[in-house]
PDB file of N, CA and C in Angstrom:
ATOM      1  N   MET A   1     119.395 101.188 101.431  1.00  0.00           N
ATOM      2  CA  MET A   1     120.184 101.169 101.957  1.00  0.00           C
ATOM      3  C   MET A   1     120.182 101.644 103.355  1.00  0.00           C
ATOM      4  N   ASN A   2     122.015 101.744 103.658  1.00  0.00           N
ATOM      5  CA  ASN A   2     122.018 102.061 105.317  1.00  0.00           C
ATOM      6  C   ASN A   2     121.639 100.952 106.118  1.00  0.00           C
ATOM      7  N   SER A   3     121.285  99.917 105.702  1.00  0.00           N
ATOM      8  CA  SER A   3     120.702  98.605 106.534  1.00  0.00           C
ATOM      9  C   SER A   3     122.063  98.327 107.474  1.00  0.00           C
ATOM     10  N   LYS A   4     121.976  97.579 108.666  1.00  0.00           N
ATOM     11  CA  LYS A   4     122.264  97.306 109.771  1.00  0.00           C
ATOM     12  C   LYS A   4     123.456  96.575 108.622  1.00  0.00           C
ATOM     13  N   GLU A   5     123.766  95.577 107.980  1.00  0.00           N
ATOM     14  CA  GLU A   5     124.906  95.110 107.204  1.00  0.00           C
ATOM     15  C   GLU A   5     126.117  95.971 106.676  1.00  0.00           C
ATOM     16  N   GLU A   6     125.257  96.911 105.753  1.00  0.00           N
ATOM     17  CA  GLU A   6     125.861  97.266 105.793  1.00  0.00           C
ATOM     18  C   GLU A   6     126.964  98.515 106.371  1.00  0.00           C
ATOM     19  N   LYS A   7     126.258  99.129 107.205  1.00  0.00           N
ATOM     20  CA  LYS A   7     126.749  99.831 108.347  1.00  0.00           C
ATOM     21  C   LYS A   7     127.820  99.044 109.179  1.00  0.00           C
ATOM     22  N   GLU A   8     127.402  97.561 108.984  1.00  0.00           N
ATOM     23  CA  GLU A   8     128.670  97.198 110.180  1.00  0.00           C
ATOM     24  C   GLU A   8     129.787  96.711 108.932  1.00  0.00           C
ATOM     25  N   PHE A   9     129.527  96.637 107.849  1.00  0.00           N
ATOM     26  CA  PHE A   9     130.821  96.579 106.370  1.00  0.00           C
ATOM     27  C   PHE A   9     131.728  97.690 106.348  1.00  0.00           C
ATOM     28  N   ILE A  10     131.259  98.547 106.715  1.00  0.00           N
ATOM     29  CA  ILE A  10     131.328  99.938 106.284  1.00  0.00           C
ATOM     30  C   ILE A  10     132.527 100.257 107.635  1.00  0.00           C
ATOM     31  N   ASN A  11     132.137 100.009 108.651  1.00  0.00           N
ATOM     32  CA  ASN A  11     132.971 100.429 110.035  1.00  0.00           C
ATOM     33  C   ASN A  11     133.595  99.402 110.043  1.00  0.00           C
ATOM     34  N   LYS A  12     133.887  98.187 109.731  1.00  0.00           N
ATOM     35  CA  LYS A  12     134.750  97.378 109.792  1.00  0.00           C
ATOM     36  C   LYS A  12     135.840  97.361 108.975  1.00  0.00           C
ATOM     37  N   LEU A  13     135.858  97.763 107.557  1.00  0.00           N
ATOM     38  CA  LEU A  13     136.622  98.403 106.750  1.00  0.00           C
ATOM     39  C   LEU A  13     137.110  99.536 107.342  1.00  0.00           C
ATOM     40  N   ARG A  14     136.626  99.940 107.508  1.00  0.00           N
ATOM     41  CA  ARG A  14     137.105 101.779 107.821  1.00  0.00           C
ATOM     42  C   ARG A  14     137.968 101.523 109.384  1.00  0.00           C
ATOM     43  N   ASN A  15     137.821 100.363 110.195  1.00  0.00           N
ATOM     44  CA  ASN A  15     138.437  99.942 111.204  1.00  0.00           C
ATOM     45  C   ASN A  15     140.012  99.415 110.345  1.00  0.00           C
ATOM     46  N   LYS A  16     139.835  98.439 109.776  1.00  0.00           N
ATOM     47  CA  LYS A  16     141.067  97.588 108.872  1.00  0.00           C
ATOM     48  C   LYS A  16     141.744  98.975 108.561  1.00  0.00           C
ATOM     49  N   ILE A  17     141.392  99.470 107.592  1.00  0.00           N
ATOM     50  CA  ILE A  17     141.873 100.458 106.861  1.00  0.00           C
ATOM     51  C   ILE A  17     142.598 101.706 108.186  1.00  0.00           C
ATOM     52  N   SER A  18     142.276 102.309 108.865  1.00  0.00           N
ATOM     53  CA  SER A  18     142.876 103.009 109.658  1.00  0.00           C
ATOM     54  C   SER A  18     144.238 102.361 110.163  1.00  0.00           C
ATOM     55  N   ASN A  19     143.929 100.899 110.136  1.00  0.00           N
ATOM     56  CA  ASN A  19     145.389 100.228 110.736  1.00  0.00           C
ATOM     57  C   ASN A  19     146.211 100.297 109.956  1.00  0.00           C
ATOM     58  N   ILE A  20     146.511 100.654 108.529  1.00  0.00           N
ATOM     59  CA  ILE A  20     147.606 100.772 107.767  1.00  0.00           C
ATOM     60  C   ILE A  20     148.941 101.995 107.709  1.00  0.00           C
ATOM     61  N   ASP A  21     149.638 101.500 108.037  1.00  0.00           N
ATOM     62  CA  ASP A  21     150.975 102.568 108.103  1.00  0.00           C
ATOM     63  C   ASP A  21     150.852 103.444 107.443  1.00  0.00           C
ATOM     64  N   THR A  22     150.646 104.390 107.207  1.00  0.00           N
ATOM     65  CA  THR A  22     151.060 105.893 106.677  1.00  0.00           C
ATOM     66  C   THR A  22     152.142 106.634 107.151  1.00  0.00           C
ATOM     67  N   THR A  23     152.845 106.291 107.551  1.00  0.00           N
ATOM     68  CA  THR A  23     153.803 107.313 108.596  1.00  0.00           C
ATOM     69  C   THR A  23     155.235 107.347 107.503  1.00  0.00           C
ATOM     70  N   ASN A  24     155.496 106.703 106.855  1.00  0.00           N
ATOM     71  CA  ASN A  24     156.151 106.794 106.283  1.00  0.00           C
ATOM     72  C   ASN A  24     156.396 106.308 104.349  1.00  0.00           C
ATOM     73  N   ILE A  25     155.394 107.164 104.340  1.00  0.00           N
ATOM     74  CA  ILE A  25     154.954 107.449 102.534  1.00  0.00           C
ATOM     75  C   ILE A  25     156.290 108.388 102.628  1.00  0.00           C
ATOM     76  N   LEU A  26     157.793 107.897 101.695  1.00  0.00           N
ATOM     77  CA  LEU A  26     158.657 108.571 101.329  1.00  0.00           C
ATOM     78  C   LEU A  26     158.795 108.752  99.941  1.00  0.00           C
ATOM     79  N   ASN A  27     158.398 107.420  99.555  1.00  0.00           N
ATOM     80  CA  ASN A  27     158.946 107.299  97.913  1.00  0.00           C
ATOM     81  C   ASN A  27     157.704 106.605  97.033  1.00  0.00           C
ATOM     82  N   SER A  28     157.454 106.719  95.723  1.00  0.00           N
ATOM     83  CA  SER A  28     156.575 105.733  94.616  1.00  0.00           C
ATOM     84  C   SER A  28     156.420 104.001  95.371  1.00  0.00           C
ATOM     85  N   ASP A  29     157.477 103.832  95.946  1.00  0.00           N
ATOM     86  CA  ASP A  29     157.298 102.208  95.881  1.00  0.00           C
ATOM     87  C   ASP A  29     156.542 102.253  97.550  1.00  0.00           C
ATOM     88  N   THR A  30     156.854 102.908  98.701  1.00  0.00           N
ATOM     89  CA  THR A  30     155.758 102.648  99.916  1.00  0.00           C
ATOM     90  C   THR A  30     154.732 103.274  99.469  1.00  0.00           C
ATOM     91  N   LEU A  31     154.722 104.528  99.183  1.00  0.00           N
ATOM     92  CA  LEU A  31     153.141 104.800  98.419  1.00  0.00           C
ATOM     93  C   LEU A  31     152.343 103.344  97.590  1.00  0.00           C
ATOM     94  N   GLU A  32     152.832 102.527  96.732  1.00  0.00           N
ATOM     95  CA  GLU A  32     152.642 101.631  96.042  1.00  0.00           C
ATOM     96  C   GLU A  32     152.006 100.441  96.748  1.00  0.00           C
ATOM     97  N   CYS A  33     152.678 100.401  98.206  1.00  0.00           N
ATOM     98  CA  CYS A  33     152.884  98.713  99.141  1.00  0.00           C
ATOM     99  C   CYS A  33     151.446  99.327  99.990  1.00  0.00           C
ATOM    100  N   VAL A  34     151.320 100.534  99.956  1.00  0.00           N
ATOM    101  CA  VAL A  34     150.258 101.078 100.388  1.00  0.00           C
ATOM    102  C   VAL A  34     148.880 100.674  99.853  1.00  0.00           C
ATOM    103  N   THR A  35     149.291 101.434  98.881  1.00  0.00           N
ATOM    104  CA  THR A  35     147.808 100.894  97.532  1.00  0.00           C
ATOM    105  C   THR A  35     147.884  99.659  97.790  1.00  0.00           C
ATOM    106  N   GLN A  36     148.754  99.097  97.742  1.00  0.00           N
ATOM    107  CA  GLN A  36     147.962  97.525  97.463  1.00  0.00           C
ATOM    108  C   GLN A  36     147.812  96.638  98.612  1.00  0.00           C
ATOM    109  N   GLU A  37     148.559  97.315  99.240  1.00  0.00           N
ATOM    110  CA  GLU A  37     147.558  96.780 100.821  1.00  0.00           C
ATOM    111  C   GLU A  37     146.351  97.078 100.943  1.00  0.00           C
ATOM    112  N   PHE A  38     145.806  98.273 100.813  1.00  0.00           N
ATOM    113  CA  PHE A  38     144.635  98.973 100.773  1.00  0.00           C
ATOM    114  C   PHE A  38     143.852  98.125  99.749  1.00  0.00           C
ATOM    115  N   ALA A  39     144.017  97.891  98.672  1.00  0.00           N
ATOM    116  CA  ALA A  39     143.518  97.434  97.931  1.00  0.00           C
ATOM    117  C   ALA A  39     142.982  95.542  98.243  1.00  0.00           C
ATOM    118  N   ILE A  40     143.750  94.998  98.912  1.00  0.00           N
ATOM    119  CA  ILE A  40     143.609  94.188  99.413  1.00  0.00           C
ATOM    120  C   ILE A  40     142.566  93.952 100.327  1.00  0.00           C
ATOM    121  N   ILE A  41     142.997  94.597 100.706  1.00  0.00           N
ATOM    122  CA  ILE A  41     142.258  94.666 102.347  1.00  0.00           C
ATOM    123  C   ILE A  41     140.565  94.519 101.812  1.00  0.00           C
ATOM    124  N   ALA A  42     140.309  96.087 100.910  1.00  0.00           N
ATOM    125  CA  ALA A  42     138.908  96.237 100.549  1.00  0.00           C
ATOM    126  C   ALA A  42     138.653  94.916  99.558  1.00  0.00           C
ATOM    127  N   GLU A  43     139.565  94.287  98.667  1.00  0.00           N
ATOM    128  CA  GLU A  43     138.511  93.163  98.097  1.00  0.00           C
ATOM    129  C   GLU A  43     138.575  91.944  98.484  1.00  0.00           C
ATOM    130  N   ASP A  44     138.964  92.049  99.726  1.00  0.00           N
ATOM    131  CA  ASP A  44     138.906  90.600 100.784  1.00  0.00           C
ATOM    132  C   ASP A  44     137.664  91.141 101.906  1.00  0.00           C
ATOM    133  N   PHE A  45     137.428  92.362 102.120  1.00  0.00           N
ATOM    134  CA  PHE A  45     136.041  92.553 102.715  1.00  0.00           C
ATOM    135  C   PHE A  45     134.775  92.784 101.788  1.00  0.00           C
ATOM    136  N   TRP A  46     135.272  93.105 100.584  1.00  0.00           N
ATOM    137  CA  TRP A  46     134.123  92.977  99.051  1.00  0.00           C
ATOM    138  C   TRP A  46     133.635  91.401  98.848  1.00  0.00           C
ATOM    139  N   ASN A  47     134.586  90.434  98.641  1.00  0.00           N
ATOM    140  CA  ASN A  47     134.010  89.416  98.987  1.00  0.00           C
ATOM    141  C   ASN A  47     133.736  88.584 100.203  1.00  0.00           C
ATOM    142  N   LYS A  48     133.775  88.533 101.161  1.00  0.00           N
ATOM    143  CA  LYS A  48     133.220  88.400 102.446  1.00  0.00           C
ATOM    144  C   LYS A  48     131.726  89.060 102.538  1.00  0.00           C
ATOM    145  N   TYR A  49     131.794  89.862 102.434  1.00  0.00           N
ATOM    146  CA  TYR A  49     130.388  90.977 102.161  1.00  0.00           C
ATOM    147  C   TYR A  49     129.239  90.498 101.532  1.00  0.00           C
ATOM    148  N   SER A  50     129.707  90.650 100.436  1.00  0.00           N
ATOM    149  CA  SER A  50     128.625  90.617  98.989  1.00  0.00           C
ATOM    150  C   SER A  50     128.370  89.324  98.718  1.00  0.00           C
ATOM    151  N   LYS A  51     127.131  89.215  97.338  1.00  0.00           N
ATOM    152  CA  LYS A  51     126.472  88.438  97.316  1.00  0.00           C
ATOM    153  C   LYS A  51     126.314  88.589  96.096  1.00  0.00           C
ATOM    154  N   LEU A  52     125.994  87.692  94.764  1.00  0.00           N
ATOM    155  CA  LEU A  52     125.822  87.882  92.923  1.00  0.00           C
ATOM    156  C   LEU A  52     124.299  87.910  93.696  1.00  0.00           C
ATOM    157  N   ILE A  53     123.655  88.882  92.299  1.00  0.00           N
ATOM    158  CA  ILE A  53     122.183  88.799  92.388  1.00  0.00           C
ATOM    159  C   ILE A  53     122.120  89.477  91.099  1.00  0.00           C
ATOM    160  N   ASN A  54     121.420  88.590  90.371  1.00  0.00           N
ATOM    161  CA  ASN A  54     120.803  89.145  89.261  1.00  0.00           C
ATOM    162  C   ASN A  54     119.343  89.839  88.924  1.00  0.00           C
ATOM    163  N   ILE A  55     119.729  90.754  88.967  1.00  0.00           N
ATOM    164  CA  ILE A  55     118.934  92.098  88.943  1.00  0.00           C
ATOM    165  C   ILE A  55     118.527  92.425  87.703  1.00  0.00           C
ATOM    166  N   THR A  56     116.966  92.076  87.167  1.00  0.00           N
ATOM    167  CA  THR A  56     116.034  92.722  86.230  1.00  0.00           C
ATOM    168  C   THR A  56     115.393  93.536  86.436  1.00  0.00           C
ATOM    169  N   LYS A  57     114.431  94.236  85.651  1.00  0.00           N
ATOM    170  CA  LYS A  57     112.975  94.397  85.037  1.00  0.00           C
ATOM    171  C   LYS A  57     112.573  93.478  85.859  1.00  0.00           C
ATOM    172  N   TYR A  58     112.417  92.643  85.936  1.00  0.00           N
ATOM    173  CA  TYR A  58     111.644  91.391  85.998  1.00  0.00           C
ATOM    174  C   TYR A  58     111.612  90.901  87.418  1.00  0.00           C
ATOM    175  N   SER A  59     112.899  91.471  88.294  1.00  0.00           N
ATOM    176  CA  SER A  59     112.922  91.447  89.448  1.00  0.00           C
ATOM    177  C   SER A  59     112.409  91.004  90.139  1.00  0.00           C
ATOM    178  N   LYS A  60     111.014  90.323  91.250  1.00  0.00           N
ATOM    179  CA  LYS A  60     109.926  90.446  91.474  1.00  0.00           C
ATOM    180  C   LYS A  60     110.519  89.344  92.506  1.00  0.00           C
ATOM    181  N   GLU A  61     109.213  88.777  93.374  1.00  0.00           N
ATOM    182  CA  GLU A  61     109.511  88.171  94.602  1.00  0.00           C
ATOM    183  C   GLU A  61     108.688  86.868  93.725  1.00  0.00           C
ATOM    184  N   TRP A  62     108.024  86.558  92.267  1.00  0.00           N
ATOM    185  CA  TRP A  62     108.012  85.615  92.315  1.00  0.00           C
ATOM    186  C   TRP A  62     108.617  84.864  91.282  1.00  0.00           C
ATOM    187  N   TRP A  63     109.574  85.856  90.639  1.00  0.00           N
ATOM    188  CA  TRP A  63     110.510  85.715  89.447  1.00  0.00           C
ATOM    189  C   TRP A  63     111.515  84.721  90.472  1.00  0.00           C
ATOM    190  N   ASN A  64     111.787  83.465  89.463  1.00  0.00           N
ATOM    191  CA  ASN A  64     112.920  82.349  89.868  1.00  0.00           C
ATOM    192  C   ASN A  64     113.480  82.189  88.956  1.00  0.00           C
ATOM    193  N   LYS A  65     114.358  80.683  89.123  1.00  0.00           N
ATOM    194  CA  LYS A  65     115.298  80.500  88.237  1.00  0.00           C
ATOM    195  C   LYS A  65     114.863  79.568  87.222  1.00  0.00           C
ATOM    196  N   GLU A  66     113.610  79.148  87.282  1.00  0.00           N
ATOM    197  CA  GLU A  66     112.931  79.073  85.857  1.00  0.00           C
ATOM    198  C   GLU A  66     112.838  80.302  84.645  1.00  0.00           C
ATOM    199  N   CYS A  67     111.838  81.040  85.839  1.00  0.00           N
ATOM    200  CA  CYS A  67     112.036  82.592  84.685  1.00  0.00           C
ATOM    201  C   CYS A  67     113.359  83.460  84.240  1.00  0.00           C
ATOM    202  N   ASN A  68     114.291  82.708  84.931  1.00  0.00           N
ATOM    203  CA  ASN A  68     115.487  83.514  84.322  1.00  0.00           C
ATOM    204  C   ASN A  68     115.875  82.055  82.867  1.00  0.00           C
ATOM    205  N   ARG A  69     116.020  81.099  83.206  1.00  0.00           N
ATOM    206  CA  ARG A  69     116.448  80.308  82.077  1.00  0.00           C
ATOM    207  C   ARG A  69     115.149  80.349  81.061  1.00  0.00           C
ATOM    208  N   ASN A  70     113.472  80.631  81.120  1.00  0.00           N
ATOM    209  CA  ASN A  70     113.179  81.312  79.895  1.00  0.00           C
ATOM    210  C   ASN A  70     113.369  82.148  79.242  1.00  0.00           C
ATOM    211  N   LEU A  71     113.780  83.316  80.073  1.00  0.00           N
ATOM    212  CA  LEU A  71     114.237  84.214  79.395  1.00  0.00           C
ATOM    213  C   LEU A  71     115.622  84.038  78.972  1.00  0.00           C
ATOM    214  N   ALA A  72     116.272  83.366  79.067  1.00  0.00           N
ATOM    215  CA  ALA A  72     117.700  83.518  78.687  1.00  0.00           C
ATOM    216  C   ALA A  72     117.424  82.357  77.361  1.00  0.00           C
ATOM    217  N   THR A  73     116.783  81.696  77.147  1.00  0.00           N
ATOM    218  CA  THR A  73     116.591  80.769  76.032  1.00  0.00           C
ATOM    219  C   THR A  73     115.640  81.327  75.134  1.00  0.00           C
ATOM    220  N   TYR A  74     114.579  82.786  75.326  1.00  0.00           N
ATOM    221  CA  TYR A  74     114.213  83.631  74.473  1.00  0.00           C
ATOM    222  C   TYR A  74     115.436  84.395  73.662  1.00  0.00           C
ATOM    223  N   GLN A  75     116.394  84.908  74.799  1.00  0.00           N
ATOM    224  CA  GLN A  75     117.150  86.079  74.286  1.00  0.00           C
ATOM    225  C   GLN A  75     118.077  85.305  73.632  1.00  0.00           C
ATOM    226  N   ALA A  76     118.233  84.399  73.878  1.00  0.00           N
ATOM    227  CA  ALA A  76     119.667  83.625  72.754  1.00  0.00           C
ATOM    228  C   ALA A  76     118.870  83.169  71.413  1.00  0.00           C
ATOM    229  N   SER A  77     117.562  82.460  71.111  1.00  0.00           N
ATOM    230  CA  SER A  77     117.069  82.601  69.730  1.00  0.00           C
ATOM    231  C   SER A  77     116.641  83.514  69.519  1.00  0.00           C
ATOM    232  N   ARG A  78     115.417  84.392  70.034  1.00  0.00           N
ATOM    233  CA  ARG A  78     114.758  85.515  68.973  1.00  0.00           C
ATOM    234  C   ARG A  78     113.687  84.892  68.518  1.00  0.00           C
ATOM    235  N   ARG A  79     113.053  83.740  68.832  1.00  0.00           N
ATOM    236  CA  ARG A  79     112.218  82.814  68.608  1.00  0.00           C
ATOM    237  C   ARG A  79     111.012  83.176  68.616  1.00  0.00           C
ATOM    238  N   LYS A  80     109.518  83.514  67.990  1.00  0.00           N
ATOM    239  CA  LYS A  80     108.324  83.996  68.706  1.00  0.00           C
ATOM    240  C   LYS A  80     107.976  82.804  69.426  1.00  0.00           C
ATOM    241  N   ARG A  81     108.835  81.647  68.951  1.00  0.00           N
ATOM    242  CA  ARG A  81     107.959  80.157  70.099  1.00  0.00           C
ATOM    243  C   ARG A  81     108.606  80.687  72.028  1.00  0.00           C
ATOM    244  N   ASP A  82     109.433  80.544  71.819  1.00  0.00           N
ATOM    245  CA  ASP A  82     110.294  80.526  72.437  1.00  0.00           C
ATOM    246  C   ASP A  82     109.839  81.855  73.146  1.00  0.00           C
ATOM    247  N   TRP A  83     110.004  82.870  73.068  1.00  0.00           N
ATOM    248  CA  TRP A  83     109.071  83.971  73.718  1.00  0.00           C
ATOM    249  C   TRP A  83     107.479  84.142  74.330  1.00  0.00           C
ATOM    250  N   ILE A  84     106.615  82.847  73.047  1.00  0.00           N
ATOM    251  CA  ILE A  84     105.421  82.649  73.813  1.00  0.00           C
ATOM    252  C   ILE A  84     105.349  81.834  75.282  1.00  0.00           C
ATOM    253  N   ASN A  85     106.272  80.826  74.712  1.00  0.00           N
ATOM    254  CA  ASN A  85     106.844  79.611  76.130  1.00  0.00           C
ATOM    255  C   ASN A  85     107.235  80.282  77.356  1.00  0.00           C
ATOM    256  N   TYR A  86     107.860  81.752  76.883  1.00  0.00           N
ATOM    257  CA  TYR A  86     108.178  82.255  78.518  1.00  0.00           C
ATOM    258  C   TYR A  86     107.313  83.154  78.546  1.00  0.00           C
ATOM    259  N   LYS A  87     106.303  83.786  78.292  1.00  0.00           N
ATOM    260  CA  LYS A  87     105.436  84.227  78.864  1.00  0.00           C
ATOM    261  C   LYS A  87     104.282  83.609  79.558  1.00  0.00           C
ATOM    262  N   LYS A  88     104.099  81.991  78.945  1.00  0.00           N
ATOM    263  CA  LYS A  88     103.429  81.291  79.501  1.00  0.00           C
ATOM    264  C   LYS A  88     103.500  80.972  80.587  1.00  0.00           C
ATOM    265  N   MET A  89     104.934  81.102  81.081  1.00  0.00           N
ATOM    266  CA  MET A  89     105.682  80.037  81.703  1.00  0.00           C
ATOM    267  C   MET A  89     105.624  81.525  83.150  1.00  0.00           C
ATOM    268  N   VAL A  90     105.536  82.563  82.880  1.00  0.00           N
ATOM    269  CA  VAL A  90     105.948  83.676  83.911  1.00  0.00           C
ATOM    270  C   VAL A  90     104.072  83.850  84.069  1.00  0.00           C
ATOM    271  N   ARG A  91     103.418  83.490  83.223  1.00  0.00           N
ATOM    272  CA  ARG A  91     102.239  83.701  84.053  1.00  0.00           C
ATOM    273  C   ARG A  91     101.216  82.757  84.874  1.00  0.00           C
ATOM    274  N   MET A  92     102.184  81.250  84.609  1.00  0.00           N
ATOM    275  CA  MET A  92     101.588  80.889  85.735  1.00  0.00           C
ATOM    276  C   MET A  92     102.609  80.988  86.811  1.00  0.00           C
ATOM    277  N   VAL A  93     103.843  81.536  87.047  1.00  0.00           N
ATOM    278  CA  VAL A  93     104.993  81.397  87.931  1.00  0.00           C
ATOM    279  C   VAL A  93     103.735  82.536  88.653  1.00  0.00           C
ATOM    280  N   LYS A  94     103.569  83.800  88.322  1.00  0.00           N
ATOM    281  CA  LYS A  94     102.737  84.474  88.688  1.00  0.00           C
ATOM    282  C   LYS A  94     101.183  83.789  89.665  1.00  0.00           C
ATOM    283  N   GLN A  95     100.453  83.582  88.680  1.00  0.00           N
ATOM    284  CA  GLN A  95      99.833  82.803  89.123  1.00  0.00           C
ATOM    285  C   GLN A  95      99.750  81.894  90.775  1.00  0.00           C
ATOM    286  N   VAL A  96     100.633  80.748  90.150  1.00  0.00           N
ATOM    287  CA  VAL A  96     101.103  79.928  91.876  1.00  0.00           C
ATOM    288  C   VAL A  96     101.617  81.058  92.647  1.00  0.00           C
ATOM    289  N   PHE A  97     102.677  81.848  92.683  1.00  0.00           N
ATOM    290  CA  PHE A  97     102.939  82.439  93.895  1.00  0.00           C
ATOM    291  C   PHE A  97     101.593  83.088  94.022  1.00  0.00           C
ATOM    292  N   PHE A  98     100.813  84.047  93.558  1.00  0.00           N
ATOM    293  CA  PHE A  98      99.933  85.074  94.346  1.00  0.00           C
ATOM    294  C   PHE A  98      98.899  83.986  94.512  1.00  0.00           C
ATOM    295  N   ASP A  99      98.283  82.998  94.303  1.00  0.00           N
ATOM    296  CA  ASP A  99      97.580  81.888  94.793  1.00  0.00           C
ATOM    297  C   ASP A  99      97.950  81.665  96.588  1.00  0.00           C
ATOM    298  N   ASN A 100      99.214  81.402  95.985  1.00  0.00           N
ATOM    299  CA  ASN A 100      99.517  80.800  97.515  1.00  0.00           C
ATOM    300  C   ASN A 100      99.753  81.891  98.649  1.00  0.00           C
ATOM    301  N   ARG A 101      99.794  83.426  98.336  1.00  0.00           N
ATOM    302  CA  ARG A 101      99.706  84.074  99.068  1.00  0.00           C
ATOM    303  C   ARG A 101      97.953  85.079  99.677  1.00  0.00           C
ATOM    304  N   ILE A 102      97.351  84.348  98.927  1.00  0.00           N
ATOM    305  CA  ILE A 102      95.538  84.936  99.086  1.00  0.00           C
ATOM    306  C   ILE A 102      95.824  84.212  99.925  1.00  0.00           C
TER     307      ILE A 102
END
């Protein structure tokens, strides 16, 4: 948390939001317009700065797409054979990863 990117995101969002004209909020219609403008700004910034991450309890450096696929296969079928295949594959991926690091 509090990374350089996060601080940059918050500062830019704060600056953009501070430019919203809130001086003429006289009724619910103008409040609705200001709220919509805020929502659009927040969504645009979120889409620009965010990225999709698949976080699981297995999120480690060695975890890869093959791990995701095999885990999903097992979760869909719940067959013992798929579980065994998944565990073998994980052992192999870990071994290759750590052999390369050593």
